[in-house]
Amino acid sequence: MLAVLCPAMFVATPWPFALLMMVMAGAAGWEWARLNGLTGASAMAFGLAVALACAAALAAGWVHAGASPAWWLACGVWVLGGALALRVGPTAWPTLPRVARWGLGFAALWIAWLALASAKVVGINFLLSIFCLVWVADIAAYFGGRAFGKRKLALAISPGKSWEGVWSGMAGVLVLAAVWIYADRHGSLGSARVSSALLDRLGIMGFVLSLVFLSSMSVVGDLVESLVKRSAGAKDSSNLLPGHGGVLDRVDALLPVFPIAMALCSL
């Protein structure tokens, strides 16, 4: 996977990375369809529709022009919809009309793809810093939860997650951001990282609150995908990635974070 991903990320032109992420979005769309009642050719058609919507946006030049309304729409849907989904739990998810569930998944994947591709246009440091923010939040939450976890975060959705893990993830992100800012202020090459962009635009208080918010939304993305899988009775979103599950299992936390990061950096 890295042999394909790294050249696509580091090449100067953005379209190879956009095309690779388009394939991943289509695969994730197929998985989402299967988790929400579609099978066979219908699920494949859903995934193809997601990929074609990404291709249309790329052809229209939306990746270069930016799409701040899409970022803020995604922000609102993830905050309000995510909170509602986590409140009602996995038993209520299947009661939503299938069309609504398909539409939410389609929109989430398409906007996340658009944010990924647009972040690549901003610069490789910016793109990688958002990836690393999510990964560090997840890693710090895992170790913090294992070491200190006592109060369960969402027992009906993901029994292993704890509030102590959430706080640990936020702390890990803030430490990472401080290191990045030091690097950017002392001779870093290339584009600034997301932490420096937030600090320059929002000041120290906005910077801290934004990073805490992004860290918390990575948890929401993870929990929402776990909720959908649990309601479908599935352990993994698919077996496309042997040993890792499916594409959605790898990108669930990225889906809300990328568009929200783009929204915050547009302020």
C-alpha atoms as a PDB file:
ATOM      1  CA  MET A   1       0.000   0.000   0.000  1.00  0.00           C
ATOM      2  CA  LEU A   2       2.797   2.413   0.881  1.00  0.00           C
ATOM      3  CA  ALA A   3       4.493   1.674  -2.456  1.00  0.00           C
ATOM      4  CA  VAL A   4       1.428   3.143  -4.174  1.00  0.00           C
ATOM      5  CA  LEU A   5       0.479   5.811  -1.645  1.00  0.00           C
ATOM      6  CA  CYS A   6       3.855   7.496  -1.154  1.00  0.00           C
ATOM      7  CA  PRO A   7       4.587   8.299  -4.827  1.00  0.00           C
ATOM      8  CA  ALA A   8       1.022   9.598  -5.246  1.00  0.00           C
ATOM      9  CA  MET A   9       1.416  11.886  -2.232  1.00  0.00           C
ATOM     10  CA  PHE A  10       4.864  13.251  -2.961  1.00  0.00           C
ATOM     11  CA  VAL A  11       4.541  13.886  -6.694  1.00  0.00           C
ATOM     12  CA  ALA A  12       4.141  17.604  -7.373  1.00  0.00           C
ATOM     13  CA  THR A  13       0.864  17.444  -9.307  1.00  0.00           C
ATOM     14  CA  PRO A  14      -2.234  16.702  -7.193  1.00  0.00           C
ATOM     15  CA  TRP A  15      -4.155  14.466  -9.617  1.00  0.00           C
ATOM     16  CA  PRO A  16      -2.393  11.095  -8.900  1.00  0.00           C
ATOM     17  CA  PHE A  17      -3.238  11.399  -5.212  1.00  0.00           C
ATOM     18  CA  ALA A  18      -6.767  12.528  -6.063  1.00  0.00           C
ATOM     19  CA  LEU A  19      -7.255   9.507  -8.331  1.00  0.00           C
ATOM     20  CA  LEU A  20      -5.912   7.093  -5.725  1.00  0.00           C
ATOM     21  CA  MET A  21      -8.214   8.554  -3.079  1.00  0.00           C
ATOM     22  CA  MET A  22     -11.059   8.315  -5.610  1.00  0.00           C
ATOM     23  CA  VAL A  23     -10.532   4.558  -5.825  1.00  0.00           C
ATOM     24  CA  MET A  24     -10.467   4.340  -2.031  1.00  0.00           C
ATOM     25  CA  ALA A  25     -13.655   6.419  -1.776  1.00  0.00           C
ATOM     26  CA  GLY A  26     -15.382   4.105  -4.238  1.00  0.00           C
ATOM     27  CA  ALA A  27     -14.305   1.050  -2.238  1.00  0.00           C
ATOM     28  CA  ALA A  28     -15.512   2.690   0.980  1.00  0.00           C
ATOM     29  CA  GLY A  29     -18.805   3.474  -0.759  1.00  0.00           C
ATOM     30  CA  TRP A  30     -19.223  -0.200  -1.653  1.00  0.00           C
ATOM     31  CA  GLU A  31     -18.603  -1.111   1.983  1.00  0.00           C
ATOM     32  CA  TRP A  32     -21.061   1.508   3.244  1.00  0.00           C
ATOM     33  CA  ALA A  33     -23.737   0.213   0.869  1.00  0.00           C
ATOM     34  CA  ARG A  34     -23.261  -3.361   2.070  1.00  0.00           C
ATOM     35  CA  LEU A  35     -23.514  -2.271   5.715  1.00  0.00           C
ATOM     36  CA  ASN A  36     -26.764  -0.487   4.921  1.00  0.00           C
ATOM     37  CA  GLY A  37     -28.805  -3.053   3.074  1.00  0.00           C
ATOM     38  CA  LEU A  38     -27.458  -3.159  -0.493  1.00  0.00           C
ATOM     39  CA  THR A  39     -25.901  -6.284  -1.940  1.00  0.00           C
ATOM     40  CA  GLY A  40     -24.200  -7.522  -5.093  1.00  0.00           C
ATOM     41  CA  ALA A  41     -24.384  -5.253  -8.127  1.00  0.00           C
ATOM     42  CA  SER A  42     -26.371  -2.596  -6.245  1.00  0.00           C
ATOM     43  CA  ALA A  43     -23.583  -2.129  -3.702  1.00  0.00           C
ATOM     44  CA  MET A  44     -20.981  -1.995  -6.473  1.00  0.00           C
ATOM     45  CA  ALA A  45     -23.078   0.601  -8.310  1.00  0.00           C
ATOM     46  CA  PHE A  46     -23.190   2.729  -5.153  1.00  0.00           C
ATOM     47  CA  GLY A  47     -19.405   2.618  -4.819  1.00  0.00           C
ATOM     48  CA  LEU A  48     -19.025   3.474  -8.505  1.00  0.00           C
ATOM     49  CA  ALA A  49     -21.391   6.428  -8.073  1.00  0.00           C
ATOM     50  CA  VAL A  50     -19.228   7.774  -5.233  1.00  0.00           C
ATOM     51  CA  ALA A  51     -16.097   7.465  -7.396  1.00  0.00           C
ATOM     52  CA  LEU A  52     -17.816   9.131 -10.375  1.00  0.00           C
ATOM     53  CA  ALA A  53     -18.961  12.037  -8.179  1.00  0.00           C
ATOM     54  CA  CYS A  54     -15.340  12.508  -7.118  1.00  0.00           C
ATOM     55  CA  ALA A  55     -14.226  12.364 -10.757  1.00  0.00           C
ATOM     56  CA  ALA A  56     -16.796  15.005 -11.697  1.00  0.00           C
ATOM     57  CA  ALA A  57     -15.541  17.335  -8.971  1.00  0.00           C
ATOM     58  CA  LEU A  58     -11.953  16.814 -10.118  1.00  0.00           C
ATOM     59  CA  ALA A  59     -12.883  17.525 -13.751  1.00  0.00           C
ATOM     60  CA  ALA A  60     -14.809  20.652 -12.701  1.00  0.00           C
ATOM     61  CA  GLY A  61     -11.734  22.040 -10.945  1.00  0.00           C
ATOM     62  CA  TRP A  62     -13.337  22.114  -7.505  1.00  0.00           C
ATOM     63  CA  VAL A  63     -10.189  20.678  -5.959  1.00  0.00           C
ATOM     64  CA  HIS A  64      -8.244  23.775  -6.985  1.00  0.00           C
ATOM     65  CA  ALA A  65     -10.989  26.306  -6.373  1.00  0.00           C
ATOM     66  CA  GLY A  66     -11.759  25.092  -2.861  1.00  0.00           C
ATOM     67  CA  ALA A  67     -15.229  24.477  -1.495  1.00  0.00           C
ATOM     68  CA  SER A  68     -15.681  26.160   1.878  1.00  0.00           C
ATOM     69  CA  PRO A  69     -19.498  25.696   1.894  1.00  0.00           C
ATOM     70  CA  ALA A  70     -18.920  21.942   1.640  1.00  0.00           C
ATOM     71  CA  TRP A  71     -16.494  22.051   4.570  1.00  0.00           C
ATOM     72  CA  TRP A  72     -18.962  23.867   6.808  1.00  0.00           C
ATOM     73  CA  LEU A  73     -21.831  21.634   5.718  1.00  0.00           C
ATOM     74  CA  ALA A  74     -19.776  18.593   6.686  1.00  0.00           C
ATOM     75  CA  CYS A  75     -18.863  20.245   9.988  1.00  0.00           C
ATOM     76  CA  GLY A  76     -22.507  20.821  10.876  1.00  0.00           C
ATOM     77  CA  VAL A  77     -23.625  17.345   9.828  1.00  0.00           C
ATOM     78  CA  TRP A  78     -20.832  15.587  11.719  1.00  0.00           C
ATOM     79  CA  VAL A  79     -21.305  17.599  14.909  1.00  0.00           C
ATOM     80  CA  LEU A  80     -25.101  17.436  15.049  1.00  0.00           C
ATOM     81  CA  GLY A  81     -25.632  14.112  13.288  1.00  0.00           C
ATOM     82  CA  GLY A  82     -22.739  12.458  15.079  1.00  0.00           C
ATOM     83  CA  ALA A  83     -24.016  13.572  18.473  1.00  0.00           C
ATOM     84  CA  LEU A  84     -27.515  12.312  17.645  1.00  0.00           C
ATOM     85  CA  ALA A  85     -26.248   8.963  16.340  1.00  0.00           C
ATOM     86  CA  LEU A  86     -24.140   8.376  19.430  1.00  0.00           C
ATOM     87  CA  ARG A  87     -27.034   9.350  21.688  1.00  0.00           C
ATOM     88  CA  VAL A  88     -29.570   6.954  20.178  1.00  0.00           C
ATOM     89  CA  GLY A  89     -27.113   4.080  19.707  1.00  0.00           C
ATOM     90  CA  PRO A  90     -26.871   1.252  17.174  1.00  0.00           C
ATOM     91  CA  THR A  91     -30.436  -0.003  17.623  1.00  0.00           C
ATOM     92  CA  ALA A  92     -31.898   3.232  16.223  1.00  0.00           C
ATOM     93  CA  TRP A  93     -29.673   3.384  13.134  1.00  0.00           C
ATOM     94  CA  PRO A  94     -31.604   0.746  11.112  1.00  0.00           C
ATOM     95  CA  THR A  95     -34.846   2.624  11.787  1.00  0.00           C
ATOM     96  CA  LEU A  96     -33.667   5.477   9.566  1.00  0.00           C
ATOM     97  CA  PRO A  97     -34.888   5.182   5.965  1.00  0.00           C
ATOM     98  CA  ARG A  98     -32.314   3.437   3.800  1.00  0.00           C
ATOM     99  CA  VAL A  99     -32.257   6.350   1.374  1.00  0.00           C
ATOM    100  CA  ALA A 100     -31.248   8.676   4.210  1.00  0.00           C
ATOM    101  CA  ARG A 101     -28.466   6.318   5.320  1.00  0.00           C
ATOM    102  CA  TRP A 102     -27.194   5.950   1.766  1.00  0.00           C
ATOM    103  CA  GLY A 103     -27.292   9.727   1.260  1.00  0.00           C
ATOM    104  CA  LEU A 104     -25.380  10.433   4.465  1.00  0.00           C
ATOM    105  CA  GLY A 105     -22.672   7.943   3.546  1.00  0.00           C
ATOM    106  CA  PHE A 106     -22.422   9.242  -0.009  1.00  0.00           C
ATOM    107  CA  ALA A 107     -22.081  12.854   1.163  1.00  0.00           C
ATOM    108  CA  ALA A 108     -19.559  12.000   3.900  1.00  0.00           C
ATOM    109  CA  LEU A 109     -17.297  10.086   1.509  1.00  0.00           C
ATOM    110  CA  TRP A 110     -17.525  12.633  -1.306  1.00  0.00           C
ATOM    111  CA  ILE A 111     -16.802  15.653   0.914  1.00  0.00           C
ATOM    112  CA  ALA A 112     -13.971  13.809   2.667  1.00  0.00           C
ATOM    113  CA  TRP A 113     -12.436  12.994  -0.728  1.00  0.00           C
ATOM    114  CA  LEU A 114     -12.751  16.636  -1.785  1.00  0.00           C
ATOM    115  CA  ALA A 115     -11.059  17.766   1.436  1.00  0.00           C
ATOM    116  CA  LEU A 116      -8.243  15.223   1.005  1.00  0.00           C
ATOM    117  CA  ALA A 117      -7.570  16.314  -2.560  1.00  0.00           C
ATOM    118  CA  SER A 118      -7.741  20.010  -1.648  1.00  0.00           C
ATOM    119  CA  ALA A 119      -5.343  19.476   1.269  1.00  0.00           C
ATOM    120  CA  LYS A 120      -2.857  17.966  -1.197  1.00  0.00           C
ATOM    121  CA  VAL A 121      -3.115  21.148  -3.276  1.00  0.00           C
ATOM    122  CA  VAL A 122      -2.253  23.221  -0.188  1.00  0.00           C
ATOM    123  CA  GLY A 123       0.923  21.192   0.300  1.00  0.00           C
ATOM    124  CA  ILE A 124       2.382  17.881   1.374  1.00  0.00           C
ATOM    125  CA  ASN A 125       3.196  19.083   4.913  1.00  0.00           C
ATOM    126  CA  PHE A 126      -0.375  20.266   5.372  1.00  0.00           C
ATOM    127  CA  LEU A 127      -1.808  16.976   4.076  1.00  0.00           C
ATOM    128  CA  LEU A 128       0.476  14.768   6.160  1.00  0.00           C
ATOM    129  CA  SER A 129      -0.061  16.836   9.295  1.00  0.00           C
ATOM    130  CA  ILE A 130      -3.812  16.138   9.214  1.00  0.00           C
ATOM    131  CA  PHE A 131      -3.140  12.431   8.701  1.00  0.00           C
ATOM    132  CA  CYS A 132      -0.679  12.468  11.616  1.00  0.00           C
ATOM    133  CA  LEU A 133      -3.068  14.401  13.844  1.00  0.00           C
ATOM    134  CA  VAL A 134      -5.637  11.610  13.502  1.00  0.00           C
ATOM    135  CA  TRP A 135      -3.062   8.845  13.918  1.00  0.00           C
ATOM    136  CA  VAL A 136      -1.496  10.396  17.030  1.00  0.00           C
ATOM    137  CA  ALA A 137      -4.942  10.993  18.554  1.00  0.00           C
ATOM    138  CA  ASP A 138      -5.760   7.326  18.002  1.00  0.00           C
ATOM    139  CA  ILE A 139      -2.420   6.012  19.303  1.00  0.00           C
ATOM    140  CA  ALA A 140      -2.380   8.263  22.385  1.00  0.00           C
ATOM    141  CA  ALA A 141      -6.010   7.379  23.112  1.00  0.00           C
ATOM    142  CA  TYR A 142      -5.199   3.672  22.906  1.00  0.00           C
ATOM    143  CA  PHE A 143      -2.279   3.813  25.314  1.00  0.00           C
ATOM    144  CA  GLY A 144      -3.963   6.332  27.629  1.00  0.00           C
ATOM    145  CA  GLY A 145      -7.091   4.221  27.723  1.00  0.00           C
ATOM    146  CA  ARG A 146      -5.133   1.070  28.474  1.00  0.00           C
ATOM    147  CA  ALA A 147      -3.175   2.774  31.252  1.00  0.00           C
ATOM    148  CA  PHE A 148      -5.859   4.941  32.877  1.00  0.00           C
ATOM    149  CA  GLY A 149      -9.213   3.994  31.329  1.00  0.00           C
ATOM    150  CA  LYS A 150     -12.017   3.536  33.854  1.00  0.00           C
ATOM    151  CA  ARG A 151     -15.055   5.471  32.598  1.00  0.00           C
ATOM    152  CA  LYS A 152     -16.516   4.018  29.417  1.00  0.00           C
ATOM    153  CA  LEU A 153     -17.201   6.440  26.587  1.00  0.00           C
ATOM    154  CA  ALA A 154     -19.871   4.566  24.581  1.00  0.00           C
ATOM    155  CA  LEU A 155     -20.339   1.093  25.993  1.00  0.00           C
ATOM    156  CA  ALA A 156     -23.100   0.070  23.571  1.00  0.00           C
ATOM    157  CA  ILE A 157     -21.037   1.080  20.522  1.00  0.00           C
ATOM    158  CA  SER A 158     -17.375   0.495  21.339  1.00  0.00           C
ATOM    159  CA  PRO A 159     -16.785  -1.090  24.762  1.00  0.00           C
ATOM    160  CA  GLY A 160     -13.020  -0.561  24.638  1.00  0.00           C
ATOM    161  CA  LYS A 161     -13.114   3.249  24.471  1.00  0.00           C
ATOM    162  CA  SER A 162     -12.905   5.367  27.612  1.00  0.00           C
ATOM    163  CA  TRP A 163     -13.042   9.051  28.496  1.00  0.00           C
ATOM    164  CA  GLU A 164      -9.483   8.813  29.774  1.00  0.00           C
ATOM    165  CA  GLY A 165      -8.456   7.626  26.313  1.00  0.00           C
ATOM    166  CA  VAL A 166     -10.165  10.648  24.752  1.00  0.00           C
ATOM    167  CA  TRP A 167      -8.286  13.062  27.042  1.00  0.00           C
ATOM    168  CA  SER A 168      -5.023  11.240  26.302  1.00  0.00           C
ATOM    169  CA  GLY A 169      -5.641  11.576  22.560  1.00  0.00           C
ATOM    170  CA  MET A 170      -6.222  15.311  22.900  1.00  0.00           C
ATOM    171  CA  ALA A 171      -3.048  15.714  24.946  1.00  0.00           C
ATOM    172  CA  GLY A 172      -1.052  13.774  22.349  1.00  0.00           C
ATOM    173  CA  VAL A 173      -2.335  16.019  19.559  1.00  0.00           C
ATOM    174  CA  LEU A 174      -1.397  19.193  21.458  1.00  0.00           C
ATOM    175  CA  VAL A 175       2.118  17.909  22.114  1.00  0.00           C
ATOM    176  CA  LEU A 176       2.530  16.976  18.445  1.00  0.00           C
ATOM    177  CA  ALA A 177       1.249  20.386  17.347  1.00  0.00           C
ATOM    178  CA  ALA A 178       3.754  22.158  19.604  1.00  0.00           C
ATOM    179  CA  VAL A 179       6.598  20.182  17.987  1.00  0.00           C
ATOM    180  CA  TRP A 180       5.302  21.026  14.511  1.00  0.00           C
ATOM    181  CA  ILE A 181       5.054  24.740  15.272  1.00  0.00           C
ATOM    182  CA  TYR A 182       8.632  24.743  16.512  1.00  0.00           C
ATOM    183  CA  ALA A 183       9.710  22.998  13.290  1.00  0.00           C
ATOM    184  CA  ASP A 184       7.769  25.460  11.116  1.00  0.00           C
ATOM    185  CA  ARG A 185       9.268  28.437  12.968  1.00  0.00           C
ATOM    186  CA  HIS A 186      12.823  27.111  12.658  1.00  0.00           C
ATOM    187  CA  GLY A 187      13.473  26.386   9.034  1.00  0.00           C
ATOM    188  CA  SER A 188      10.838  23.857   7.968  1.00  0.00           C
ATOM    189  CA  LEU A 189      10.686  23.489   4.192  1.00  0.00           C
ATOM    190  CA  GLY A 190       7.515  23.412   2.140  1.00  0.00           C
ATOM    191  CA  SER A 191       3.971  24.227   3.182  1.00  0.00           C
ATOM    192  CA  ALA A 192       3.044  24.901   6.791  1.00  0.00           C
ATOM    193  CA  ARG A 193       1.348  22.212   8.820  1.00  0.00           C
ATOM    194  CA  VAL A 194      -2.270  22.463   9.922  1.00  0.00           C
ATOM    195  CA  SER A 195      -1.218  23.458  13.463  1.00  0.00           C
ATOM    196  CA  SER A 196       0.717  26.492  12.228  1.00  0.00           C
ATOM    197  CA  ALA A 197      -2.145  27.470   9.921  1.00  0.00           C
ATOM    198  CA  LEU A 198      -4.599  27.362  12.824  1.00  0.00           C
ATOM    199  CA  LEU A 199      -2.267  29.319  15.118  1.00  0.00           C
ATOM    200  CA  ASP A 200      -1.692  32.029  12.514  1.00  0.00           C
ATOM    201  CA  ARG A 201      -5.407  32.408  11.772  1.00  0.00           C
ATOM    202  CA  LEU A 202      -7.063  31.907  15.150  1.00  0.00           C
ATOM    203  CA  GLY A 203      -4.498  32.817  17.813  1.00  0.00           C
ATOM    204  CA  ILE A 204      -3.395  30.645  20.707  1.00  0.00           C
ATOM    205  CA  MET A 205      -6.844  30.073  22.232  1.00  0.00           C
ATOM    206  CA  GLY A 206      -8.446  29.266  18.879  1.00  0.00           C
ATOM    207  CA  PHE A 207      -5.483  27.031  18.076  1.00  0.00           C
ATOM    208  CA  VAL A 208      -5.912  24.946  21.249  1.00  0.00           C
ATOM    209  CA  LEU A 209      -9.703  24.728  20.950  1.00  0.00           C
ATOM    210  CA  SER A 210      -9.472  23.767  17.270  1.00  0.00           C
ATOM    211  CA  LEU A 211      -7.025  20.944  17.909  1.00  0.00           C
ATOM    212  CA  VAL A 212      -9.132  19.621  20.804  1.00  0.00           C
ATOM    213  CA  PHE A 213     -12.192  19.789  18.545  1.00  0.00           C
ATOM    214  CA  LEU A 214     -10.439  17.956  15.695  1.00  0.00           C
ATOM    215  CA  SER A 215      -9.219  15.292  18.099  1.00  0.00           C
ATOM    216  CA  SER A 216     -12.745  14.787  19.449  1.00  0.00           C
ATOM    217  CA  MET A 217     -14.198  14.583  15.930  1.00  0.00           C
ATOM    218  CA  SER A 218     -11.738  11.823  15.053  1.00  0.00           C
ATOM    219  CA  VAL A 219     -13.312   9.855  17.916  1.00  0.00           C
ATOM    220  CA  VAL A 220     -16.802  10.639  16.591  1.00  0.00           C
ATOM    221  CA  GLY A 221     -15.861   9.349  13.130  1.00  0.00           C
ATOM    222  CA  ASP A 222     -14.556   6.137  14.648  1.00  0.00           C
ATOM    223  CA  LEU A 223     -17.643   5.672  16.826  1.00  0.00           C
ATOM    224  CA  VAL A 224     -20.123   6.373  14.030  1.00  0.00           C
ATOM    225  CA  GLU A 225     -18.532   3.695  11.843  1.00  0.00           C
ATOM    226  CA  SER A 226     -18.552   1.290  14.803  1.00  0.00           C
ATOM    227  CA  LEU A 227     -22.235   2.089  15.333  1.00  0.00           C
ATOM    228  CA  VAL A 228     -23.066   1.296  11.699  1.00  0.00           C
ATOM    229  CA  LYS A 229     -21.090  -1.964  11.810  1.00  0.00           C
ATOM    230  CA  ARG A 230     -22.675  -3.015  15.087  1.00  0.00           C
ATOM    231  CA  SER A 231     -26.172  -2.324  13.772  1.00  0.00           C
ATOM    232  CA  ALA A 232     -25.346  -4.501  10.727  1.00  0.00           C
ATOM    233  CA  GLY A 233     -23.814  -7.248  12.876  1.00  0.00           C
ATOM    234  CA  ALA A 234     -20.400  -6.886  11.194  1.00  0.00           C
ATOM    235  CA  LYS A 235     -16.982  -6.928  12.834  1.00  0.00           C
ATOM    236  CA  ASP A 236     -15.207  -5.231   9.896  1.00  0.00           C
ATOM    237  CA  SER A 237     -16.519  -3.109   7.050  1.00  0.00           C
ATOM    238  CA  SER A 238     -15.108  -5.698   4.604  1.00  0.00           C
ATOM    239  CA  ASN A 239     -12.037  -7.875   4.001  1.00  0.00           C
ATOM    240  CA  LEU A 240     -10.499  -5.707   1.284  1.00  0.00           C
ATOM    241  CA  LEU A 241      -7.371  -5.102   3.389  1.00  0.00           C
ATOM    242  CA  PRO A 242      -6.247  -8.466   4.798  1.00  0.00           C
ATOM    243  CA  GLY A 243      -5.367  -8.148   8.458  1.00  0.00           C
ATOM    244  CA  HIS A 244      -6.871  -4.664   8.674  1.00  0.00           C
ATOM    245  CA  GLY A 245     -10.515  -5.133   7.701  1.00  0.00           C
ATOM    246  CA  GLY A 246     -11.943  -2.723   5.156  1.00  0.00           C
ATOM    247  CA  VAL A 247     -11.258   0.748   3.817  1.00  0.00           C
ATOM    248  CA  LEU A 248     -13.828   2.318   6.158  1.00  0.00           C
ATOM    249  CA  ASP A 249     -12.056   0.705   9.099  1.00  0.00           C
ATOM    250  CA  ARG A 250      -8.886   2.602   8.115  1.00  0.00           C
ATOM    251  CA  VAL A 251     -10.411   5.979   7.237  1.00  0.00           C
ATOM    252  CA  ASP A 252     -13.372   6.336   9.616  1.00  0.00           C
ATOM    253  CA  ALA A 253     -11.647   8.912  11.822  1.00  0.00           C
ATOM    254  CA  LEU A 254     -10.422  10.842   8.768  1.00  0.00           C
ATOM    255  CA  LEU A 255     -13.904  11.385   7.320  1.00  0.00           C
ATOM    256  CA  PRO A 256     -14.932  14.215   9.663  1.00  0.00           C
ATOM    257  CA  VAL A 257     -11.454  15.557  10.439  1.00  0.00           C
ATOM    258  CA  PHE A 258     -10.331  16.512   6.928  1.00  0.00           C
ATOM    259  CA  PRO A 259     -13.314  18.704   5.972  1.00  0.00           C
ATOM    260  CA  ILE A 260     -13.490  20.239   9.452  1.00  0.00           C
ATOM    261  CA  ALA A 261      -9.761  21.028   9.352  1.00  0.00           C
ATOM    262  CA  MET A 262     -10.258  22.690   5.972  1.00  0.00           C
ATOM    263  CA  ALA A 263     -13.202  24.655   7.365  1.00  0.00           C
ATOM    264  CA  LEU A 264     -11.248  25.900  10.376  1.00  0.00           C
ATOM    265  CA  CYS A 265      -8.274  26.873   8.211  1.00  0.00           C
ATOM    266  CA  SER A 266     -10.585  28.898   5.960  1.00  0.00           C
ATOM    267  CA  LEU A 267     -11.522  31.239   8.834  1.00  0.00           C
END
